[in-house]
Amino acid sequence: HGRRTDVIEVLPASMISVDMVPRSPGDWLLHCHVNDHMLA
């Protein structure tokens, strides 16, 4: 929505579509940044 970021927030029943143009090749992590969720 016009904001540049590398983290977006979603709540139950949230929906959002965001755009990206990859600038760095490689194998990258995609994860939830909530600590307990990463651990699990």
All heavy atoms as atom14 arrays in JSON, in Angstrom:
{
  "sequence": "HGRRTDVIEVLPASMISVDMVPRSPGDWLLHCHVNDHMLA",
  "atom14_mask": [
    [1, 1, 1, 1, 1, 1, 1, 1, 1, 1, 0, 0, 0, 0],
    [1, 1, 1, 1, 0, 0, 0, 0, 0, 0, 0, 0, 0, 0],
    [1, 1, 1, 1, 1, 1, 1, 1, 1, 1, 1, 0, 0, 0],
    [1, 1, 1, 1, 1, 1, 1, 1, 1, 1, 1, 0, 0, 0],
    [1, 1, 1, 1, 1, 1, 1, 0, 0, 0, 0, 0, 0, 0],
    [1, 1, 1, 1, 1, 1, 1, 1, 0, 0, 0, 0, 0, 0],
    [1, 1, 1, 1, 1, 1, 1, 0, 0, 0, 0, 0, 0, 0],
    [1, 1, 1, 1, 1, 1, 1, 1, 0, 0, 0, 0, 0, 0],
    [1, 1, 1, 1, 1, 1, 1, 1, 1, 0, 0, 0, 0, 0],
    [1, 1, 1, 1, 1, 1, 1, 0, 0, 0, 0, 0, 0, 0],
    [1, 1, 1, 1, 1, 1, 1, 1, 0, 0, 0, 0, 0, 0],
    [1, 1, 1, 1, 1, 1, 1, 0, 0, 0, 0, 0, 0, 0],
    [1, 1, 1, 1, 1, 0, 0, 0, 0, 0, 0, 0, 0, 0],
    [1, 1, 1, 1, 1, 1, 0, 0, 0, 0, 0, 0, 0, 0],
    [1, 1, 1, 1, 1, 1, 1, 1, 0, 0, 0, 0, 0, 0],
    [1, 1, 1, 1, 1, 1, 1, 1, 0, 0, 0, 0, 0, 0],
    [1, 1, 1, 1, 1, 1, 0, 0, 0, 0, 0, 0, 0, 0],
    [1, 1, 1, 1, 1, 1, 1, 0, 0, 0, 0, 0, 0, 0],
    [1, 1, 1, 1, 1, 1, 1, 1, 0, 0, 0, 0, 0, 0],
    [1, 1, 1, 1, 1, 1, 1, 1, 0, 0, 0, 0, 0, 0],
    [1, 1, 1, 1, 1, 1, 1, 0, 0, 0, 0, 0, 0, 0],
    [1, 1, 1, 1, 1, 1, 1, 0, 0, 0, 0, 0, 0, 0],
    [1, 1, 1, 1, 1, 1, 1, 1, 1, 1, 1, 0, 0, 0],
    [1, 1, 1, 1, 1, 1, 0, 0, 0, 0, 0, 0, 0, 0],
    [1, 1, 1, 1, 1, 1, 1, 0, 0, 0, 0, 0, 0, 0],
    [1, 1, 1, 1, 0, 0, 0, 0, 0, 0, 0, 0, 0, 0],
    [1, 1, 1, 1, 1, 1, 1, 1, 0, 0, 0, 0, 0, 0],
    [1, 1, 1, 1, 1, 1, 1, 1, 1, 1, 1, 1, 1, 1],
    [1, 1, 1, 1, 1, 1, 1, 1, 0, 0, 0, 0, 0, 0],
    [1, 1, 1, 1, 1, 1, 1, 1, 0, 0, 0, 0, 0, 0],
    [1, 1, 1, 1, 1, 1, 1, 1, 1, 1, 0, 0, 0, 0],
    [1, 1, 1, 1, 1, 1, 0, 0, 0, 0, 0, 0, 0, 0],
    [1, 1, 1, 1, 1, 1, 1, 1, 1, 1, 0, 0, 0, 0],
    [1, 1, 1, 1, 1, 1, 1, 0, 0, 0, 0, 0, 0, 0],
    [1, 1, 1, 1, 1, 1, 1, 1, 0, 0, 0, 0, 0, 0],
    [1, 1, 1, 1, 1, 1, 1, 1, 0, 0, 0, 0, 0, 0],
    [1, 1, 1, 1, 1, 1, 1, 1, 1, 1, 0, 0, 0, 0],
    [1, 1, 1, 1, 1, 1, 1, 1, 0, 0, 0, 0, 0, 0],
    [1, 1, 1, 1, 1, 1, 1, 1, 0, 0, 0, 0, 0, 0],
    [1, 1, 1, 1, 1, 0, 0, 0, 0, 0, 0, 0, 0, 0]
  ],
  "atom14_positions": [
    [[0.83, -1.21, 0.0], [0.0, 0.0, 0.0], [0.86, 1.27, 0.0], [0.6, 2.23, 0.72], [-0.95, 0.0, 1.2], [-1.97, -1.09, 1.15], [-2.54, -1.64, 2.27], [-2.5, -1.77, 0.1], [-3.39, -2.58, 1.93], [-3.37, -2.68, 0.61], [0.0, 0.0, 0.0], [0.0, 0.0, 0.0], [0.0, 0.0, 0.0], [0.0, 0.0, 0.0]],
    [[1.91, 1.24, -0.8], [2.78, 2.4, -0.94], [3.88, 2.49, 0.07], [4.73, 3.39, -0.01], [0.0, 0.0, 0.0], [0.0, 0.0, 0.0], [0.0, 0.0, 0.0], [0.0, 0.0, 0.0], [0.0, 0.0, 0.0], [0.0, 0.0, 0.0], [0.0, 0.0, 0.0], [0.0, 0.0, 0.0], [0.0, 0.0, 0.0], [0.0, 0.0, 0.0]],
    [[3.91, 1.58, 1.04], [4.94, 1.59, 2.08], [5.98, 0.53, 1.79], [5.66, -0.62, 1.53], [4.29, 1.31, 3.44], [5.26, 1.24, 4.61], [4.5, 1.11, 5.93], [3.81, -0.15, 6.05], [4.26, -1.2, 6.75], [5.43, -1.13, 7.37], [3.55, -2.3, 6.83], [0.0, 0.0, 0.0], [0.0, 0.0, 0.0], [0.0, 0.0, 0.0]],
    [[7.24, 0.9, 1.82], [8.34, -0.04, 1.6], [8.73, -0.67, 2.92], [8.97, 0.01, 3.92], [9.54, 0.68, 0.99], [10.67, -0.25, 0.62], [10.33, -1.06, -0.63], [10.19, -0.23, -1.82], [9.82, -0.71, -3.01], [9.54, -2.0, -3.15], [9.72, 0.1, -4.05], [0.0, 0.0, 0.0], [0.0, 0.0, 0.0], [0.0, 0.0, 0.0]],
    [[8.79, -2.02, 2.95], [9.08, -2.72, 4.2], [9.6, -4.11, 3.87], [9.54, -4.55, 2.71], [7.82, -2.82, 5.08], [8.13, -3.48, 6.32], [6.71, -3.58, 4.38], [0.0, 0.0, 0.0], [0.0, 0.0, 0.0], [0.0, 0.0, 0.0], [0.0, 0.0, 0.0], [0.0, 0.0, 0.0], [0.0, 0.0, 0.0], [0.0, 0.0, 0.0]],
    [[10.11, -4.83, 4.87], [10.4, -6.26, 4.69], [9.66, -7.09, 5.73], [9.92, -8.29, 5.86], [11.91, -6.54, 4.71], [12.56, -6.25, 6.04], [11.88, -5.77, 6.97], [13.78, -6.5, 6.17], [0.0, 0.0, 0.0], [0.0, 0.0, 0.0], [0.0, 0.0, 0.0], [0.0, 0.0, 0.0], [0.0, 0.0, 0.0], [0.0, 0.0, 0.0]],
    [[8.74, -6.47, 6.47], [7.88, -7.17, 7.42], [6.46, -6.62, 7.28], [6.26, -5.41, 7.31], [8.35, -6.98, 8.88], [7.39, -7.68, 9.85], [9.76, -7.51, 9.07], [0.0, 0.0, 0.0], [0.0, 0.0, 0.0], [0.0, 0.0, 0.0], [0.0, 0.0, 0.0], [0.0, 0.0, 0.0], [0.0, 0.0, 0.0], [0.0, 0.0, 0.0]],
    [[5.48, -7.5, 7.15], [4.08, -7.06, 7.17], [3.36, -7.78, 8.29], [3.73, -8.9, 8.67], [3.37, -7.29, 5.82], [3.34, -8.78, 5.46], [4.0, -6.47, 4.72], [2.44, -9.07, 4.27], [0.0, 0.0, 0.0], [0.0, 0.0, 0.0], [0.0, 0.0, 0.0], [0.0, 0.0, 0.0], [0.0, 0.0, 0.0], [0.0, 0.0, 0.0]],
    [[2.32, -7.17, 8.82], [1.59, -7.7, 9.95], [0.25, -8.26, 9.48], [-0.48, -7.59, 8.72], [1.34, -6.61, 11.0], [2.6, -5.91, 11.49], [3.11, -4.83, 10.55], [2.29, -4.3, 9.76], [4.32, -4.53, 10.59], [0.0, 0.0, 0.0], [0.0, 0.0, 0.0], [0.0, 0.0, 0.0], [0.0, 0.0, 0.0], [0.0, 0.0, 0.0]],
    [[-0.09, -9.48, 9.92], [-1.39, -10.06, 9.61], [-2.0, -10.6, 10.9], [-1.32, -11.2, 11.73], [-1.31, -11.17, 8.55], [-1.07, -10.58, 7.17], [-0.24, -12.2, 8.88], [0.0, 0.0, 0.0], [0.0, 0.0, 0.0], [0.0, 0.0, 0.0], [0.0, 0.0, 0.0], [0.0, 0.0, 0.0], [0.0, 0.0, 0.0], [0.0, 0.0, 0.0]],
    [[-3.29, -10.37, 11.05], [-4.1, -10.88, 12.16], [-5.03, -11.96, 11.62], [-5.15, -12.13, 10.4], [-4.9, -9.74, 12.78], [-4.11, -8.54, 13.3], [-5.06, -7.42, 13.74], [-3.18, -8.93, 14.42], [0.0, 0.0, 0.0], [0.0, 0.0, 0.0], [0.0, 0.0, 0.0], [0.0, 0.0, 0.0], [0.0, 0.0, 0.0], [0.0, 0.0, 0.0]],
    [[-5.73, -12.7, 12.48], [-6.66, -13.72, 12.0], [-7.68, -13.13, 11.02], [-8.32, -12.11, 11.31], [-7.31, -14.23, 13.28], [-6.28, -14.02, 14.32], [-5.6, -12.74, 13.96], [0.0, 0.0, 0.0], [0.0, 0.0, 0.0], [0.0, 0.0, 0.0], [0.0, 0.0, 0.0], [0.0, 0.0, 0.0], [0.0, 0.0, 0.0], [0.0, 0.0, 0.0]],
    [[-7.8, -13.76, 9.87], [-8.68, -13.35, 8.76], [-8.22, -12.08, 8.08], [-8.98, -11.43, 7.37], [-10.14, -13.23, 9.2], [0.0, 0.0, 0.0], [0.0, 0.0, 0.0], [0.0, 0.0, 0.0], [0.0, 0.0, 0.0], [0.0, 0.0, 0.0], [0.0, 0.0, 0.0], [0.0, 0.0, 0.0], [0.0, 0.0, 0.0], [0.0, 0.0, 0.0]],
    [[-6.94, -11.71, 8.25], [-6.36, -10.62, 7.48], [-5.93, -11.13, 6.11], [-5.54, -12.29, 5.97], [-5.13, -10.03, 8.19], [-5.48, -9.41, 9.38], [0.0, 0.0, 0.0], [0.0, 0.0, 0.0], [0.0, 0.0, 0.0], [0.0, 0.0, 0.0], [0.0, 0.0, 0.0], [0.0, 0.0, 0.0], [0.0, 0.0, 0.0], [0.0, 0.0, 0.0]],
    [[-5.96, -10.23, 5.12], [-5.56, -10.57, 3.77], [-4.87, -9.35, 3.16], [-5.39, -8.25, 3.26], [-6.79, -10.94, 2.92], [-7.58, -12.14, 3.43], [-9.34, -12.13, 2.96], [-10.0, -10.96, 4.16], [0.0, 0.0, 0.0], [0.0, 0.0, 0.0], [0.0, 0.0, 0.0], [0.0, 0.0, 0.0], [0.0, 0.0, 0.0], [0.0, 0.0, 0.0]],
    [[-3.74, -9.56, 2.53], [-3.02, -8.45, 1.92], [-2.2, -8.97, 0.75], [-1.7, -10.1, 0.79], [-2.12, -7.72, 2.95], [-1.46, -6.49, 2.32], [-1.08, -8.66, 3.53], [-0.74, -5.59, 3.31], [0.0, 0.0, 0.0], [0.0, 0.0, 0.0], [0.0, 0.0, 0.0], [0.0, 0.0, 0.0], [0.0, 0.0, 0.0], [0.0, 0.0, 0.0]],
    [[-2.09, -8.16, -0.3], [-1.27, -8.5, -1.46], [-0.19, -7.44, -1.6], [-0.48, -6.24, -1.61], [-2.13, -8.54, -2.73], [-3.13, -9.55, -2.61], [0.0, 0.0, 0.0], [0.0, 0.0, 0.0], [0.0, 0.0, 0.0], [0.0, 0.0, 0.0], [0.0, 0.0, 0.0], [0.0, 0.0, 0.0], [0.0, 0.0, 0.0], [0.0, 0.0, 0.0]],
    [[1.07, -7.89, -1.67], [2.22, -6.98, -1.72], [3.11, -7.35, -2.89], [3.13, -8.51, -3.34], [3.01, -7.0, -0.4], [2.13, -6.57, 0.77], [3.61, -8.37, -0.12], [0.0, 0.0, 0.0], [0.0, 0.0, 0.0], [0.0, 0.0, 0.0], [0.0, 0.0, 0.0], [0.0, 0.0, 0.0], [0.0, 0.0, 0.0], [0.0, 0.0, 0.0]],
    [[3.87, -6.38, -3.37], [4.71, -6.58, -4.55], [6.19, -6.53, -4.2], [6.62, -5.81, -3.3], [4.39, -5.51, -5.6], [3.1, -5.79, -6.34], [2.55, -6.9, -6.19], [2.64, -4.9, -7.08], [0.0, 0.0, 0.0], [0.0, 0.0, 0.0], [0.0, 0.0, 0.0], [0.0, 0.0, 0.0], [0.0, 0.0, 0.0], [0.0, 0.0, 0.0]],
    [[6.96, -7.28, -4.98], [8.4, -7.4, -4.78], [9.09, -7.56, -6.12], [8.56, -8.22, -7.03], [8.69, -8.64, -3.91], [10.14, -9.08, -3.85], [10.31, -10.74, -3.17], [9.86, -10.48, -1.47], [0.0, 0.0, 0.0], [0.0, 0.0, 0.0], [0.0, 0.0, 0.0], [0.0, 0.0, 0.0], [0.0, 0.0, 0.0], [0.0, 0.0, 0.0]],
    [[10.27, -6.97, -6.24], [11.17, -7.26, -7.35], [12.47, -7.78, -6.72], [13.23, -6.99, -6.16], [11.44, -6.02, -8.22], [12.44, -6.37, -9.33], [10.14, -5.5, -8.84], [0.0, 0.0, 0.0], [0.0, 0.0, 0.0], [0.0, 0.0, 0.0], [0.0, 0.0, 0.0], [0.0, 0.0, 0.0], [0.0, 0.0, 0.0], [0.0, 0.0, 0.0]],
    [[12.71, -9.1, -6.74], [13.9, -9.65, -6.07], [15.18, -9.02, -6.6], [15.38, -8.91, -7.81], [13.82, -11.14, -6.39], [12.38, -11.41, -6.64], [11.87, -10.17, -7.31], [0.0, 0.0, 0.0], [0.0, 0.0, 0.0], [0.0, 0.0, 0.0], [0.0, 0.0, 0.0], [0.0, 0.0, 0.0], [0.0, 0.0, 0.0], [0.0, 0.0, 0.0]],
    [[16.06, -8.61, -5.68], [17.29, -7.92, -6.04], [18.53, -8.71, -5.68], [19.63, -8.3, -6.04], [17.34, -6.57, -5.32], [17.27, -6.71, -3.8], [17.18, -5.4, -3.09], [17.09, -5.6, -1.65], [17.09, -4.61, -0.76], [17.16, -3.36, -1.18], [17.01, -4.87, 0.52], [0.0, 0.0, 0.0], [0.0, 0.0, 0.0], [0.0, 0.0, 0.0]],
    [[18.36, -9.83, -4.93], [19.51, -10.61, -4.47], [19.24, -12.09, -4.71], [18.28, -12.62, -4.16], [19.77, -10.38, -2.98], [19.97, -9.02, -2.7], [0.0, 0.0, 0.0], [0.0, 0.0, 0.0], [0.0, 0.0, 0.0], [0.0, 0.0, 0.0], [0.0, 0.0, 0.0], [0.0, 0.0, 0.0], [0.0, 0.0, 0.0], [0.0, 0.0, 0.0]],
    [[20.06, -12.77, -5.51], [19.86, -14.21, -5.7], [20.27, -14.99, -4.46], [21.08, -14.53, -3.65], [20.76, -14.53, -6.88], [21.83, -13.49, -6.82], [21.19, -12.25, -6.28], [0.0, 0.0, 0.0], [0.0, 0.0, 0.0], [0.0, 0.0, 0.0], [0.0, 0.0, 0.0], [0.0, 0.0, 0.0], [0.0, 0.0, 0.0], [0.0, 0.0, 0.0]],
    [[19.69, -16.17, -4.3], [20.05, -17.03, -3.17], [18.86, -17.74, -2.6], [17.72, -17.6, -3.07], [0.0, 0.0, 0.0], [0.0, 0.0, 0.0], [0.0, 0.0, 0.0], [0.0, 0.0, 0.0], [0.0, 0.0, 0.0], [0.0, 0.0, 0.0], [0.0, 0.0, 0.0], [0.0, 0.0, 0.0], [0.0, 0.0, 0.0], [0.0, 0.0, 0.0]],
    [[19.1, -18.55, -1.57], [18.04, -19.22, -0.81], [17.78, -18.39, 0.44], [18.67, -18.21, 1.29], [18.47, -20.64, -0.42], [18.55, -21.55, -1.64], [17.81, -21.3, -2.61], [19.35, -22.5, -1.61], [0.0, 0.0, 0.0], [0.0, 0.0, 0.0], [0.0, 0.0, 0.0], [0.0, 0.0, 0.0], [0.0, 0.0, 0.0], [0.0, 0.0, 0.0]],
    [[16.55, -17.93, 0.58], [16.23, -16.96, 1.61], [15.15, -17.48, 2.56], [14.26, -18.24, 2.15], [15.73, -15.65, 0.98], [16.72, -15.03, 0.05], [16.68, -15.03, -1.31], [17.9, -14.32, 0.42], [17.76, -14.36, -1.82], [18.53, -13.9, -0.78], [18.49, -13.97, 1.64], [19.71, -13.18, -0.79], [19.66, -13.24, 1.64], [20.26, -12.85, 0.43]],
    [[15.19, -17.02, 3.79], [14.17, -17.37, 4.76], [12.92, -16.53, 4.55], [12.98, -15.33, 4.25], [14.68, -17.14, 6.18], [15.61, -18.19, 6.78], [16.14, -17.71, 8.13], [14.89, -19.52, 6.95], [0.0, 0.0, 0.0], [0.0, 0.0, 0.0], [0.0, 0.0, 0.0], [0.0, 0.0, 0.0], [0.0, 0.0, 0.0], [0.0, 0.0, 0.0]],
    [[11.77, -17.16, 4.74], [10.47, -16.51, 4.88], [9.89, -17.06, 6.17], [9.71, -18.27, 6.3], [9.56, -16.82, 3.69], [8.08, -16.45, 3.86], [7.9, -14.95, 4.0], [7.26, -16.99, 2.69], [0.0, 0.0, 0.0], [0.0, 0.0, 0.0], [0.0, 0.0, 0.0], [0.0, 0.0, 0.0], [0.0, 0.0, 0.0], [0.0, 0.0, 0.0]],
    [[9.59, -16.19, 7.12], [9.14, -16.71, 8.41], [8.33, -15.67, 9.16], [8.36, -14.47, 8.83], [10.34, -17.14, 9.27], [11.26, -16.02, 9.67], [11.14, -15.34, 10.86], [12.32, -15.46, 9.03], [12.09, -14.42, 10.94], [12.82, -14.47, 9.83], [0.0, 0.0, 0.0], [0.0, 0.0, 0.0], [0.0, 0.0, 0.0], [0.0, 0.0, 0.0]],
    [[7.61, -16.13, 10.18], [6.98, -15.24, 11.14], [8.04, -14.8, 12.14], [8.81, -15.62, 12.63], [5.83, -15.93, 11.85], [5.07, -14.9, 13.12], [0.0, 0.0, 0.0], [0.0, 0.0, 0.0], [0.0, 0.0, 0.0], [0.0, 0.0, 0.0], [0.0, 0.0, 0.0], [0.0, 0.0, 0.0], [0.0, 0.0, 0.0], [0.0, 0.0, 0.0]],
    [[8.07, -13.5, 12.44], [9.11, -12.97, 13.32], [8.7, -12.98, 14.8], [9.44, -12.48, 15.64], [9.5, -11.56, 12.9], [10.97, -11.32, 12.89], [11.75, -11.44, 14.02], [11.83, -11.01, 11.88], [13.0, -11.18, 13.71], [13.09, -10.93, 12.41], [0.0, 0.0, 0.0], [0.0, 0.0, 0.0], [0.0, 0.0, 0.0], [0.0, 0.0, 0.0]],
    [[7.53, -13.51, 15.12], [7.17, -13.72, 16.52], [8.05, -14.85, 17.06], [8.09, -15.95, 16.48], [5.68, -14.08, 16.66], [5.33, -14.4, 18.12], [4.8, -12.94, 16.14], [0.0, 0.0, 0.0], [0.0, 0.0, 0.0], [0.0, 0.0, 0.0], [0.0, 0.0, 0.0], [0.0, 0.0, 0.0], [0.0, 0.0, 0.0], [0.0, 0.0, 0.0]],
    [[8.75, -14.61, 18.15], [9.77, -15.56, 18.61], [9.24, -16.97, 18.81], [9.86, -17.94, 18.35], [10.39, -15.05, 19.92], [11.29, -13.85, 19.72], [11.69, -13.54, 18.6], [11.59, -13.14, 20.79], [0.0, 0.0, 0.0], [0.0, 0.0, 0.0], [0.0, 0.0, 0.0], [0.0, 0.0, 0.0], [0.0, 0.0, 0.0], [0.0, 0.0, 0.0]],
    [[8.12, -17.11, 19.51], [7.58, -18.45, 19.76], [7.19, -19.15, 18.47], [7.29, -20.38, 18.37], [6.37, -18.37, 20.69], [6.73, -18.0, 22.11], [7.93, -18.04, 22.45], [5.83, -17.68, 22.9], [0.0, 0.0, 0.0], [0.0, 0.0, 0.0], [0.0, 0.0, 0.0], [0.0, 0.0, 0.0], [0.0, 0.0, 0.0], [0.0, 0.0, 0.0]],
    [[6.75, -18.4, 17.5], [6.34, -18.98, 16.23], [7.54, -19.46, 15.43], [7.49, -20.52, 14.78], [5.51, -17.98, 15.43], [4.24, -17.57, 16.12], [3.38, -16.62, 15.6], [3.69, -17.96, 17.29], [2.36, -16.46, 16.42], [2.52, -17.26, 17.46], [0.0, 0.0, 0.0], [0.0, 0.0, 0.0], [0.0, 0.0, 0.0], [0.0, 0.0, 0.0]],
    [[8.63, -18.69, 15.45], [9.87, -19.13, 14.8], [10.36, -20.44, 15.43], [10.74, -21.38, 14.74], [10.95, -18.06, 14.93], [10.8, -16.89, 13.99], [12.3, -15.86, 13.96], [12.2, -15.06, 15.56], [0.0, 0.0, 0.0], [0.0, 0.0, 0.0], [0.0, 0.0, 0.0], [0.0, 0.0, 0.0], [0.0, 0.0, 0.0], [0.0, 0.0, 0.0]],
    [[10.36, -20.47, 16.76], [10.84, -21.65, 17.48], [10.03, -22.89, 17.13], [10.58, -24.0, 17.03], [10.77, -21.38, 19.0], [11.21, -22.52, 19.92], [12.71, -22.78, 19.76], [10.86, -22.18, 21.38], [0.0, 0.0, 0.0], [0.0, 0.0, 0.0], [0.0, 0.0, 0.0], [0.0, 0.0, 0.0], [0.0, 0.0, 0.0], [0.0, 0.0, 0.0]],
    [[8.73, -22.7, 16.9], [7.85, -23.83, 16.62], [7.78, -24.21, 15.15], [7.01, -25.09, 14.77], [6.44, -23.52, 17.14], [0.0, 0.0, 0.0], [0.0, 0.0, 0.0], [0.0, 0.0, 0.0], [0.0, 0.0, 0.0], [0.0, 0.0, 0.0], [0.0, 0.0, 0.0], [0.0, 0.0, 0.0], [0.0, 0.0, 0.0], [0.0, 0.0, 0.0]]
  ]
}
